């Protein structure tokens, strides 16, 4: 085989490979768009519960904040003591 035949074969393989990739990505894009259009989006359960809470309730319990603060202070005390 001479160099021109090898280059022609390489260009054929290059075009074939790029064509398959282009077709696959195009098909994937069409499928994703169809799924987004026809499949309803579900809301997470946490968002539904959060929406049901009244506006006056705090999302974080003050007792939990106090416990975390105490734990952080104790951790810092043990680190500085060493």
PDB file of N, CA and C in Angstrom:
ATOM      1  N   UNK A   1       0.845  -1.189   0.000  1.00  0.00           N
ATOM      2  CA  UNK A   1       0.000   0.000   0.000  1.00  0.00           C
ATOM      3  C   UNK A   1       0.888   1.248   0.000  1.00  0.00           C
ATOM      4  N   UNK A   2       0.495   2.204  -0.798  1.00  0.00           N
ATOM      5  CA  UNK A   2       1.258   3.444  -0.784  1.00  0.00           C
ATOM      6  C   UNK A   2       0.609   4.437   0.171  1.00  0.00           C
ATOM      7  N   UNK A   3       1.234   5.564   0.339  1.00  0.00           N
ATOM      8  CA  UNK A   3       0.827   6.547   1.351  1.00  0.00           C
ATOM      9  C   UNK A   3      -0.544   7.147   1.045  1.00  0.00           C
ATOM     10  N   UNK A   4      -0.890   7.311  -0.224  1.00  0.00           N
ATOM     11  CA  UNK A   4      -2.192   7.910  -0.542  1.00  0.00           C
ATOM     12  C   UNK A   4      -3.336   6.984  -0.169  1.00  0.00           C
ATOM     13  N   UNK A   5      -3.158   5.691  -0.368  1.00  0.00           N
ATOM     14  CA  UNK A   5      -4.196   4.744   0.038  1.00  0.00           C
ATOM     15  C   UNK A   5      -4.339   4.717   1.547  1.00  0.00           C
ATOM     16  N   UNK A   6      -3.230   4.766   2.263  1.00  0.00           N
ATOM     17  CA  UNK A   6      -3.276   4.772   3.723  1.00  0.00           C
ATOM     18  C   UNK A   6      -3.958   6.032   4.245  1.00  0.00           C
ATOM     19  N   UNK A   7      -3.646   7.172   3.654  1.00  0.00           N
ATOM     20  CA  UNK A   7      -4.282   8.418   4.072  1.00  0.00           C
ATOM     21  C   UNK A   7      -5.775   8.409   3.752  1.00  0.00           C
ATOM     22  N   UNK A   8      -6.154   7.865   2.610  1.00  0.00           N
ATOM     23  CA  UNK A   8      -7.568   7.781   2.252  1.00  0.00           C
ATOM     24  C   UNK A   8      -8.322   6.874   3.228  1.00  0.00           C
ATOM     25  N   UNK A   9      -7.725   5.748   3.576  1.00  0.00           N
ATOM     26  CA  UNK A   9      -8.345   4.828   4.537  1.00  0.00           C
ATOM     27  C   UNK A   9      -8.466   5.493   5.908  1.00  0.00           C
ATOM     28  N   UNK A  10      -7.437   6.240   6.308  1.00  0.00           N
ATOM     29  CA  UNK A  10      -7.469   6.934   7.598  1.00  0.00           C
ATOM     30  C   UNK A  10      -8.573   7.989   7.616  1.00  0.00           C
ATOM     31  N   UNK A  11      -8.738   8.715   6.518  1.00  0.00           N
ATOM     32  CA  UNK A  11      -9.800   9.717   6.447  1.00  0.00           C
ATOM     33  C   UNK A  11     -11.180   9.078   6.451  1.00  0.00           C
ATOM     34  N   UNK A  12     -11.314   7.928   5.819  1.00  0.00           N
ATOM     35  CA  UNK A  12     -12.590   7.220   5.851  1.00  0.00           C
ATOM     36  C   UNK A  12     -12.941   6.797   7.279  1.00  0.00           C
ATOM     37  N   UNK A  13     -11.959   6.234   7.974  1.00  0.00           N
ATOM     38  CA  UNK A  13     -12.203   5.818   9.363  1.00  0.00           C
ATOM     39  C   UNK A  13     -12.492   7.012  10.263  1.00  0.00           C
ATOM     40  N   UNK A  14     -11.791   8.121  10.021  1.00  0.00           N
ATOM     41  CA  UNK A  14     -12.032   9.330  10.792  1.00  0.00           C
ATOM     42  C   UNK A  14     -13.454   9.837  10.583  1.00  0.00           C
ATOM     43  N   UNK A  15     -13.895   9.881   9.330  1.00  0.00           N
ATOM     44  CA  UNK A  15     -15.257  10.343   9.037  1.00  0.00           C
ATOM     45  C   UNK A  15     -16.305   9.403   9.593  1.00  0.00           C
ATOM     46  N   UNK A  16     -16.066   8.105   9.503  1.00  0.00           N
ATOM     47  CA  UNK A  16     -17.006   7.133  10.033  1.00  0.00           C
ATOM     48  C   UNK A  16     -17.123   7.252  11.550  1.00  0.00           C
ATOM     49  N   UNK A  17     -16.005   7.352  12.229  1.00  0.00           N
ATOM     50  CA  UNK A  17     -16.018   7.480  13.693  1.00  0.00           C
ATOM     51  C   UNK A  17     -16.695   8.764  14.147  1.00  0.00           C
ATOM     52  N   UNK A  18     -16.336   9.869  13.518  1.00  0.00           N
ATOM     53  CA  UNK A  18     -16.945  11.141  13.896  1.00  0.00           C
ATOM     54  C   UNK A  18     -18.438  11.165  13.569  1.00  0.00           C
ATOM     55  N   UNK A  19     -18.830  10.515  12.483  1.00  0.00           N
ATOM     56  CA  UNK A  19     -20.238  10.438  12.125  1.00  0.00           C
ATOM     57  C   UNK A  19     -21.038   9.673  13.163  1.00  0.00           C
ATOM     58  N   UNK A  20     -20.508   8.529  13.618  1.00  0.00           N
ATOM     59  CA  UNK A  20     -21.200   7.760  14.646  1.00  0.00           C
ATOM     60  C   UNK A  20     -21.323   8.540  15.949  1.00  0.00           C
ATOM     61  N   UNK A  21     -20.275   9.221  16.337  1.00  0.00           N
ATOM     62  CA  UNK A  21     -20.323  10.021  17.569  1.00  0.00           C
ATOM     63  C   UNK A  21     -21.343  11.143  17.431  1.00  0.00           C
ATOM     64  N   UNK A  22     -21.345  11.819  16.300  1.00  0.00           N
ATOM     65  CA  UNK A  22     -22.294  12.905  16.069  1.00  0.00           C
ATOM     66  C   UNK A  22     -23.734  12.394  16.114  1.00  0.00           C
ATOM     67  N   UNK A  23     -24.000  11.256  15.457  1.00  0.00           N
ATOM     68  CA  UNK A  23     -25.349  10.694  15.471  1.00  0.00           C
ATOM     69  C   UNK A  23     -25.764  10.258  16.869  1.00  0.00           C
ATOM     70  N   UNK A  24     -24.850   9.642  17.594  1.00  0.00           N
ATOM     71  CA  UNK A  24     -25.171   9.198  18.951  1.00  0.00           C
ATOM     72  C   UNK A  24     -25.485  10.382  19.859  1.00  0.00           C
ATOM     73  N   UNK A  25     -24.671  11.432  19.800  1.00  0.00           N
ATOM     74  CA  UNK A  25     -24.917  12.597  20.652  1.00  0.00           C
ATOM     75  C   UNK A  25     -26.205  13.312  20.255  1.00  0.00           C
ATOM     76  N   UNK A  26     -26.493  13.364  18.969  1.00  0.00           N
ATOM     77  CA  UNK A  26     -27.751  13.962  18.527  1.00  0.00           C
ATOM     78  C   UNK A  26     -28.950  13.176  19.013  1.00  0.00           C
ATOM     79  N   UNK A  27     -28.872  11.847  18.918  1.00  0.00           N
ATOM     80  CA  UNK A  27     -29.953  10.995  19.405  1.00  0.00           C
ATOM     81  C   UNK A  27     -30.105  11.132  20.920  1.00  0.00           C
ATOM     82  N   UNK A  28     -29.008  11.194  21.615  1.00  0.00           N
ATOM     83  CA  UNK A  28     -29.052  11.368  23.068  1.00  0.00           C
ATOM     84  C   UNK A  28     -29.709  12.691  23.444  1.00  0.00           C
ATOM     85  N   UNK A  29     -29.408  13.741  22.711  1.00  0.00           N
ATOM     86  CA  UNK A  29     -30.014  15.045  22.975  1.00  0.00           C
ATOM     87  C   UNK A  29     -31.521  15.020  22.742  1.00  0.00           C
ATOM     88  N   UNK A  30     -31.943  14.354  21.678  1.00  0.00           N
ATOM     89  CA  UNK A  30     -33.381  14.251  21.387  1.00  0.00           C
ATOM     90  C   UNK A  30     -34.087  13.471  22.490  1.00  0.00           C
ATOM     91  N   UNK A  31     -33.496  12.371  22.933  1.00  0.00           N
ATOM     92  CA  UNK A  31     -34.109  11.549  23.986  1.00  0.00           C
ATOM     93  C   UNK A  31     -34.210  12.329  25.294  1.00  0.00           C
ATOM     94  N   UNK A  32     -33.163  13.050  25.661  1.00  0.00           N
ATOM     95  CA  UNK A  32     -33.188  13.825  26.911  1.00  0.00           C
ATOM     96  C   UNK A  32     -34.247  14.916  26.835  1.00  0.00           C
ATOM     97  N   UNK A  33     -34.356  15.581  25.709  1.00  0.00           N
ATOM     98  CA  UNK A  33     -35.383  16.623  25.561  1.00  0.00           C
ATOM     99  C   UNK A  33     -36.790  16.038  25.632  1.00  0.00           C
ATOM    100  N   UNK A  34     -36.995  14.877  25.028  1.00  0.00           N
ATOM    101  CA  UNK A  34     -38.313  14.236  25.104  1.00  0.00           C
ATOM    102  C   UNK A  34     -38.634  13.808  26.533  1.00  0.00           C
ATOM    103  N   UNK A  35     -37.648  13.290  27.233  1.00  0.00           N
ATOM    104  CA  UNK A  35     -37.869  12.899  28.628  1.00  0.00           C
ATOM    105  C   UNK A  35     -38.203  14.113  29.485  1.00  0.00           C
ATOM    106  N   UNK A  36     -37.512  15.215  29.263  1.00  0.00           N
ATOM    107  CA  UNK A  36     -37.779  16.426  30.040  1.00  0.00           C
ATOM    108  C   UNK A  36     -39.176  16.962  29.755  1.00  0.00           C
ATOM    109  N   UNK A  37     -39.656  16.748  28.543  1.00  0.00           N
ATOM    110  CA  UNK A  37     -40.969  17.267  28.170  1.00  0.00           C
ATOM    111  C   UNK A  37     -42.107  16.404  28.701  1.00  0.00           C
ATOM    112  N   UNK A  38     -41.946  15.078  28.655  1.00  0.00           N
ATOM    113  CA  UNK A  38     -43.062  14.187  28.954  1.00  0.00           C
ATOM    114  C   UNK A  38     -43.025  13.538  30.335  1.00  0.00           C
ATOM    115  N   UNK A  39     -41.892  13.528  30.995  1.00  0.00           N
ATOM    116  CA  UNK A  39     -41.821  12.927  32.328  1.00  0.00           C
ATOM    117  C   UNK A  39     -41.879  14.063  33.353  1.00  0.00           C
ATOM    118  N   UNK A  40     -42.865  14.042  34.255  1.00  0.00           N
ATOM    119  CA  UNK A  40     -42.980  15.136  35.229  1.00  0.00           C
ATOM    120  C   UNK A  40     -41.829  15.102  36.234  1.00  0.00           C
ATOM    121  N   UNK A  41     -41.453  16.281  36.670  1.00  0.00           N
ATOM    122  CA  UNK A  41     -40.371  16.400  37.640  1.00  0.00           C
ATOM    123  C   UNK A  41     -40.942  16.214  39.038  1.00  0.00           C
ATOM    124  N   UNK A  42     -40.302  15.353  39.826  1.00  0.00           N
ATOM    125  CA  UNK A  42     -40.767  15.100  41.181  1.00  0.00           C
ATOM    126  C   UNK A  42     -40.085  16.040  42.157  1.00  0.00           C
ATOM    127  N   UNK A  43     -40.856  16.489  43.146  1.00  0.00           N
ATOM    128  CA  UNK A  43     -40.279  17.324  44.187  1.00  0.00           C
ATOM    129  C   UNK A  43     -39.804  16.427  45.311  1.00  0.00           C
ATOM    130  N   UNK A  44     -38.643  16.731  45.885  1.00  0.00           N
ATOM    131  CA  UNK A  44     -38.168  15.943  47.014  1.00  0.00           C
ATOM    132  C   UNK A  44     -39.117  16.047  48.206  1.00  0.00           C
ATOM    133  N   UNK A  45     -39.146  15.024  49.022  1.00  0.00           N
ATOM    134  CA  UNK A  45     -40.041  14.979  50.176  1.00  0.00           C
ATOM    135  C   UNK A  45     -39.695  16.078  51.167  1.00  0.00           C
ATOM    136  N   UNK A  46     -38.418  16.387  51.326  1.00  0.00           N
ATOM    137  CA  UNK A  46     -38.001  17.416  52.283  1.00  0.00           C
ATOM    138  C   UNK A  46     -38.580  18.782  51.909  1.00  0.00           C
ATOM    139  N   UNK A  47     -38.655  19.080  50.611  1.00  0.00           N
ATOM    140  CA  UNK A  47     -39.211  20.359  50.179  1.00  0.00           C
ATOM    141  C   UNK A  47     -40.697  20.446  50.499  1.00  0.00           C
ATOM    142  N   UNK A  48     -41.408  19.349  50.373  1.00  0.00           N
ATOM    143  CA  UNK A  48     -42.834  19.359  50.699  1.00  0.00           C
ATOM    144  C   UNK A  48     -43.040  19.588  52.188  1.00  0.00           C
ATOM    145  N   UNK A  49     -42.227  18.956  53.017  1.00  0.00           N
ATOM    146  CA  UNK A  49     -42.357  19.140  54.464  1.00  0.00           C
ATOM    147  C   UNK A  49     -41.989  20.571  54.847  1.00  0.00           C
ATOM    148  N   UNK A  50     -40.954  21.105  54.226  1.00  0.00           N
ATOM    149  CA  UNK A  50     -40.511  22.457  54.540  1.00  0.00           C
ATOM    150  C   UNK A  50     -41.575  23.473  54.136  1.00  0.00           C
ATOM    151  N   UNK A  51     -42.282  23.213  53.053  1.00  0.00           N
ATOM    152  CA  UNK A  51     -43.333  24.127  52.602  1.00  0.00           C
ATOM    153  C   UNK A  51     -44.518  24.109  53.551  1.00  0.00           C
ATOM    154  N   UNK A  52     -44.718  22.982  54.248  1.00  0.00           N
ATOM    155  CA  UNK A  52     -45.839  22.873  55.165  1.00  0.00           C
ATOM    156  C   UNK A  52     -45.556  23.540  56.507  1.00  0.00           C
ATOM    157  N   UNK A  53     -44.297  23.803  56.831  1.00  0.00           N
ATOM    158  CA  UNK A  53     -43.990  24.446  58.104  1.00  0.00           C
ATOM    159  C   UNK A  53     -44.500  25.888  58.086  1.00  0.00           C
ATOM    160  N   UNK A  54     -44.903  26.349  59.249  1.00  0.00           N
ATOM    161  CA  UNK A  54     -45.369  27.735  59.305  1.00  0.00           C
ATOM    162  C   UNK A  54     -44.173  28.685  59.269  1.00  0.00           C
ATOM    163  N   UNK A  55     -44.428  29.921  58.952  1.00  0.00           N
ATOM    164  CA  UNK A  55     -43.361  30.896  58.806  1.00  0.00           C
ATOM    165  C   UNK A  55     -42.736  31.253  60.147  1.00  0.00           C
ATOM    166  N   UNK A  56     -43.441  31.052  61.246  1.00  0.00           N
ATOM    167  CA  UNK A  56     -42.904  31.416  62.549  1.00  0.00           C
ATOM    168  C   UNK A  56     -41.962  30.369  63.113  1.00  0.00           C
ATOM    169  N   UNK A  57     -42.057  29.125  62.629  1.00  0.00           N
ATOM    170  CA  UNK A  57     -41.186  28.073  63.143  1.00  0.00           C
ATOM    171  C   UNK A  57     -39.780  28.238  62.592  1.00  0.00           C
ATOM    172  N   UNK A  58     -38.799  27.954  63.425  1.00  0.00           N
ATOM    173  CA  UNK A  58     -37.414  27.994  62.979  1.00  0.00           C
ATOM    174  C   UNK A  58     -37.065  26.656  62.341  1.00  0.00           C
ATOM    175  N   UNK A  59     -36.269  26.693  61.295  1.00  0.00           N
ATOM    176  CA  UNK A  59     -35.885  25.464  60.610  1.00  0.00           C
ATOM    177  C   UNK A  59     -34.880  24.668  61.441  1.00  0.00           C
ATOM    178  N   UNK A  60     -34.130  25.345  62.312  1.00  0.00           N
ATOM    179  CA  UNK A  60     -33.125  24.685  63.138  1.00  0.00           C
ATOM    180  C   UNK A  60     -33.532  24.818  64.602  1.00  0.00           C
ATOM    181  N   UNK A  61     -33.516  23.707  65.287  1.00  0.00           N
ATOM    182  CA  UNK A  61     -33.881  23.673  66.694  1.00  0.00           C
ATOM    183  C   UNK A  61     -32.787  24.362  67.521  1.00  0.00           C
ATOM    184  N   UNK A  62     -33.135  25.311  68.396  1.00  0.00           N
ATOM    185  CA  UNK A  62     -32.126  25.996  69.212  1.00  0.00           C
ATOM    186  C   UNK A  62     -31.351  25.040  70.128  1.00  0.00           C
ATOM    187  N   UNK A  63     -31.967  23.952  70.557  1.00  0.00           N
ATOM    188  CA  UNK A  63     -31.262  22.988  71.404  1.00  0.00           C
ATOM    189  C   UNK A  63     -30.135  22.312  70.628  1.00  0.00           C
ATOM    190  N   UNK A  64     -30.359  22.074  69.356  1.00  0.00           N
ATOM    191  CA  UNK A  64     -29.321  21.468  68.527  1.00  0.00           C
ATOM    192  C   UNK A  64     -28.162  22.444  68.334  1.00  0.00           C
ATOM    193  N   UNK A  65     -28.483  23.706  68.130  1.00  0.00           N
ATOM    194  CA  UNK A  65     -27.439  24.724  67.982  1.00  0.00           C
ATOM    195  C   UNK A  65     -26.604  24.803  69.253  1.00  0.00           C
ATOM    196  N   UNK A  66     -27.249  24.773  70.409  1.00  0.00           N
ATOM    197  CA  UNK A  66     -26.520  24.831  71.682  1.00  0.00           C
ATOM    198  C   UNK A  66     -25.629  23.607  71.851  1.00  0.00           C
ATOM    199  N   UNK A  67     -26.108  22.434  71.488  1.00  0.00           N
ATOM    200  CA  UNK A  67     -25.306  21.219  71.618  1.00  0.00           C
ATOM    201  C   UNK A  67     -24.093  21.263  70.697  1.00  0.00           C
ATOM    202  N   UNK A  68     -24.276  21.746  69.470  1.00  0.00           N
ATOM    203  CA  UNK A  68     -23.149  21.841  68.539  1.00  0.00           C
ATOM    204  C   UNK A  68     -22.129  22.857  69.023  1.00  0.00           C
ATOM    205  N   UNK A  69     -22.605  23.991  69.525  1.00  0.00           N
ATOM    206  CA  UNK A  69     -21.703  25.020  70.036  1.00  0.00           C
ATOM    207  C   UNK A  69     -20.885  24.494  71.207  1.00  0.00           C
ATOM    208  N   UNK A  70     -21.528  23.785  72.116  1.00  0.00           N
ATOM    209  CA  UNK A  70     -20.821  23.212  73.260  1.00  0.00           C
ATOM    210  C   UNK A  70     -19.781  22.205  72.801  1.00  0.00           C
ATOM    211  N   UNK A  71     -20.117  21.381  71.848  1.00  0.00           N
ATOM    212  CA  UNK A  71     -19.162  20.388  71.353  1.00  0.00           C
ATOM    213  C   UNK A  71     -17.965  21.048  70.696  1.00  0.00           C
ATOM    214  N   UNK A  72     -18.187  22.119  69.948  1.00  0.00           N
ATOM    215  CA  UNK A  72     -17.082  22.822  69.294  1.00  0.00           C
ATOM    216  C   UNK A  72     -16.168  23.458  70.333  1.00  0.00           C
ATOM    217  N   UNK A  73     -16.751  24.076  71.375  1.00  0.00           N
ATOM    218  CA  UNK A  73     -15.934  24.683  72.428  1.00  0.00           C
ATOM    219  C   UNK A  73     -15.109  23.632  73.155  1.00  0.00           C
ATOM    220  N   UNK A  74     -15.696  22.481  73.452  1.00  0.00           N
ATOM    221  CA  UNK A  74     -14.955  21.420  74.113  1.00  0.00           C
ATOM    222  C   UNK A  74     -13.838  20.898  73.224  1.00  0.00           C
ATOM    223  N   UNK A  75     -14.083  20.794  71.949  1.00  0.00           N
ATOM    224  CA  UNK A  75     -13.057  20.336  71.013  1.00  0.00           C
ATOM    225  C   UNK A  75     -11.885  21.318  70.986  1.00  0.00           C
ATOM    226  N   UNK A  76     -12.189  22.613  70.946  1.00  0.00           N
ATOM    227  CA  UNK A  76     -11.123  23.618  70.922  1.00  0.00           C
ATOM    228  C   UNK A  76     -10.324  23.610  72.231  1.00  0.00           C
ATOM    229  N   UNK A  77     -10.995  23.359  73.354  1.00  0.00           N
ATOM    230  CA  UNK A  77     -10.296  23.282  74.642  1.00  0.00           C
ATOM    231  C   UNK A  77      -9.323  22.100  74.644  1.00  0.00           C
ATOM    232  N   UNK A  78      -9.731  20.963  74.116  1.00  0.00           N
ATOM    233  CA  UNK A  78      -8.837  19.802  74.112  1.00  0.00           C
ATOM    234  C   UNK A  78      -7.685  20.006  73.133  1.00  0.00           C
ATOM    235  N   UNK A  79      -7.883  20.719  72.066  1.00  0.00           N
ATOM    236  CA  UNK A  79      -6.815  20.972  71.114  1.00  0.00           C
ATOM    237  C   UNK A  79      -5.770  21.942  71.685  1.00  0.00           C
ATOM    238  N   UNK A  80      -6.222  22.961  72.414  1.00  0.00           N
ATOM    239  CA  UNK A  80      -5.278  23.925  72.968  1.00  0.00           C
ATOM    240  C   UNK A  80      -4.561  23.355  74.182  1.00  0.00           C
ATOM    241  N   UNK A  81      -5.155  22.378  74.863  1.00  0.00           N
ATOM    242  CA  UNK A  81      -4.532  21.769  76.036  1.00  0.00           C
ATOM    243  C   UNK A  81      -3.390  20.842  75.631  1.00  0.00           C
ATOM    244  N   UNK A  82      -3.400  20.342  74.446  1.00  0.00           N
ATOM    245  CA  UNK A  82      -2.351  19.404  74.009  1.00  0.00           C
ATOM    246  C   UNK A  82      -1.182  20.153  73.579  1.00  0.00           C
TER     247      UNK A  82
END
